[in-house]
Amino acid sequence: MDETNRRLDAVEENIREIFRELKALAVTQARTDTTLGNLDLTLRKLTEAVSSLQARPAGLWDKIVSALIAALVAGGVAALIGVIAK
């Protein structure tokens, strides 16, 4: 009977240790989830920032092209008015 009680006590202690390790694992997993969530949020912000920086030169180029077209049209209208005025 002593051997049985000793073995039962050892099994109970093993089970307690397993539960302690599982709880520690759950805490570690929660920290990991939080860290991954923060990394995901940061990555999304960085992606948006890079996208806006990539779009900026295209927007400036569009403004330059629009200004050139407007200048050409204005010059053409001025030349036409000059020809008509003579």
C-alpha atoms as a PDB file:
ATOM      1  CA  MET A   1       0.000   0.000   0.000  1.00  0.00           C
ATOM      2  CA  ASP A   2       2.898   2.363   0.708  1.00  0.00           C
ATOM      3  CA  GLU A   3       4.277   1.826  -2.789  1.00  0.00           C
ATOM      4  CA  THR A   4       0.881   2.580  -4.306  1.00  0.00           C
ATOM      5  CA  ASN A   5       0.512   5.784  -2.275  1.00  0.00           C
ATOM      6  CA  ARG A   6       4.022   6.869  -3.190  1.00  0.00           C
ATOM      7  CA  ARG A   7       3.368   6.270  -6.872  1.00  0.00           C
ATOM      8  CA  LEU A   8       0.014   8.051  -6.675  1.00  0.00           C
ATOM      9  CA  ASP A   9       1.662  11.044  -4.990  1.00  0.00           C
ATOM     10  CA  ALA A  10       4.319  11.104  -7.721  1.00  0.00           C
ATOM     11  CA  VAL A  11       1.656  11.017 -10.448  1.00  0.00           C
ATOM     12  CA  GLU A  12      -0.285  13.823  -8.748  1.00  0.00           C
ATOM     13  CA  GLU A  13       2.877  15.926  -8.548  1.00  0.00           C
ATOM     14  CA  ASN A  14       3.561  15.258 -12.235  1.00  0.00           C
ATOM     15  CA  ILE A  15       0.036  16.377 -13.083  1.00  0.00           C
ATOM     16  CA  ARG A  16       0.477  19.561 -10.994  1.00  0.00           C
ATOM     17  CA  GLU A  17       3.729  20.275 -12.833  1.00  0.00           C
ATOM     18  CA  ILE A  18       2.046  19.744 -16.198  1.00  0.00           C
ATOM     19  CA  PHE A  19      -0.686  22.213 -15.250  1.00  0.00           C
ATOM     20  CA  ARG A  20       1.901  24.775 -14.090  1.00  0.00           C
ATOM     21  CA  GLU A  21       3.703  24.439 -17.399  1.00  0.00           C
ATOM     22  CA  LEU A  22       0.445  24.732 -19.332  1.00  0.00           C
ATOM     23  CA  LYS A  23      -0.444  27.925 -17.465  1.00  0.00           C
ATOM     24  CA  ALA A  24       3.011  29.340 -18.163  1.00  0.00           C
ATOM     25  CA  LEU A  25       2.619  28.380 -21.814  1.00  0.00           C
ATOM     26  CA  ALA A  26      -0.767  30.125 -21.962  1.00  0.00           C
ATOM     27  CA  VAL A  27       0.772  33.314 -20.545  1.00  0.00           C
ATOM     28  CA  THR A  28       3.618  33.132 -23.043  1.00  0.00           C
ATOM     29  CA  GLN A  29       1.158  32.543 -25.888  1.00  0.00           C
ATOM     30  CA  ALA A  30      -0.892  35.582 -24.835  1.00  0.00           C
ATOM     31  CA  ARG A  31       2.251  37.744 -24.841  1.00  0.00           C
ATOM     32  CA  THR A  32       3.194  36.388 -28.250  1.00  0.00           C
ATOM     33  CA  ASP A  33      -0.288  37.148 -29.599  1.00  0.00           C
ATOM     34  CA  THR A  34      -0.049  40.712 -28.286  1.00  0.00           C
ATOM     35  CA  THR A  35       3.385  41.176 -29.823  1.00  0.00           C
ATOM     36  CA  LEU A  36       2.252  39.782 -33.172  1.00  0.00           C
ATOM     37  CA  GLY A  37      -0.793  42.039 -33.107  1.00  0.00           C
ATOM     38  CA  ASN A  38       1.414  45.071 -32.504  1.00  0.00           C
ATOM     39  CA  LEU A  39       3.772  44.000 -35.287  1.00  0.00           C
ATOM     40  CA  ASP A  40       0.841  43.572 -37.660  1.00  0.00           C
ATOM     41  CA  LEU A  41      -0.453  47.052 -36.826  1.00  0.00           C
ATOM     42  CA  THR A  42       3.006  48.569 -37.313  1.00  0.00           C
ATOM     43  CA  LEU A  43       3.454  46.750 -40.617  1.00  0.00           C
ATOM     44  CA  ARG A  44       0.113  48.052 -41.869  1.00  0.00           C
ATOM     45  CA  LYS A  45       1.071  51.625 -40.934  1.00  0.00           C
ATOM     46  CA  LEU A  46       4.428  51.260 -42.678  1.00  0.00           C
ATOM     47  CA  THR A  47       2.743  49.826 -45.769  1.00  0.00           C
ATOM     48  CA  GLU A  48       0.352  52.781 -45.897  1.00  0.00           C
ATOM     49  CA  ALA A  49       3.240  55.230 -45.470  1.00  0.00           C
ATOM     50  CA  VAL A  50       5.242  53.610 -48.263  1.00  0.00           C
ATOM     51  CA  SER A  51       2.206  53.597 -50.534  1.00  0.00           C
ATOM     52  CA  SER A  52       1.624  57.310 -49.950  1.00  0.00           C
ATOM     53  CA  LEU A  53       5.300  58.051 -50.612  1.00  0.00           C
ATOM     54  CA  GLN A  54       5.163  56.052 -53.833  1.00  0.00           C
ATOM     55  CA  ALA A  55       2.066  57.917 -54.980  1.00  0.00           C
ATOM     56  CA  ARG A  56       3.567  61.337 -54.270  1.00  0.00           C
ATOM     57  CA  PRO A  57       5.947  61.535 -57.287  1.00  0.00           C
ATOM     58  CA  ALA A  58       3.154  60.396 -59.596  1.00  0.00           C
ATOM     59  CA  GLY A  59       0.923  63.156 -58.245  1.00  0.00           C
ATOM     60  CA  LEU A  60       3.642  65.752 -58.797  1.00  0.00           C
ATOM     61  CA  TRP A  61       4.239  64.483 -62.321  1.00  0.00           C
ATOM     62  CA  ASP A  62       0.509  64.780 -63.065  1.00  0.00           C
ATOM     63  CA  LYS A  63       0.575  68.407 -61.875  1.00  0.00           C
ATOM     64  CA  ILE A  64       3.554  69.193 -64.101  1.00  0.00           C
ATOM     65  CA  VAL A  65       1.887  67.632 -67.143  1.00  0.00           C
ATOM     66  CA  SER A  66      -1.343  69.525 -66.417  1.00  0.00           C
ATOM     67  CA  ALA A  67       0.576  72.805 -66.095  1.00  0.00           C
ATOM     68  CA  LEU A  68       2.390  72.176 -69.395  1.00  0.00           C
ATOM     69  CA  ILE A  69      -0.875  71.395 -71.183  1.00  0.00           C
ATOM     70  CA  ALA A  70      -2.487  74.528 -69.726  1.00  0.00           C
ATOM     71  CA  ALA A  71       0.506  76.634 -70.823  1.00  0.00           C
ATOM     72  CA  LEU A  72       0.379  75.202 -74.347  1.00  0.00           C
ATOM     73  CA  VAL A  73      -3.356  75.837 -74.613  1.00  0.00           C
ATOM     74  CA  ALA A  74      -2.937  79.379 -73.263  1.00  0.00           C
ATOM     75  CA  GLY A  75      -0.104  80.019 -75.718  1.00  0.00           C
ATOM     76  CA  GLY A  76      -2.191  78.678 -78.590  1.00  0.00           C
ATOM     77  CA  VAL A  77      -5.161  80.835 -77.627  1.00  0.00           C
ATOM     78  CA  ALA A  78      -2.893  83.894 -77.314  1.00  0.00           C
ATOM     79  CA  ALA A  79      -1.373  83.202 -80.733  1.00  0.00           C
ATOM     80  CA  LEU A  80      -4.823  82.769 -82.256  1.00  0.00           C
ATOM     81  CA  ILE A  81      -6.030  86.025 -80.722  1.00  0.00           C
ATOM     82  CA  GLY A  82      -2.860  87.730 -82.001  1.00  0.00           C
ATOM     83  CA  VAL A  83      -3.527  86.489 -85.544  1.00  0.00           C
ATOM     84  CA  ILE A  84      -7.173  87.541 -85.397  1.00  0.00           C
ATOM     85  CA  ALA A  85      -6.299  90.979 -83.939  1.00  0.00           C
ATOM     86  CA  LYS A  86      -3.994  91.862 -86.884  1.00  0.00           C
END
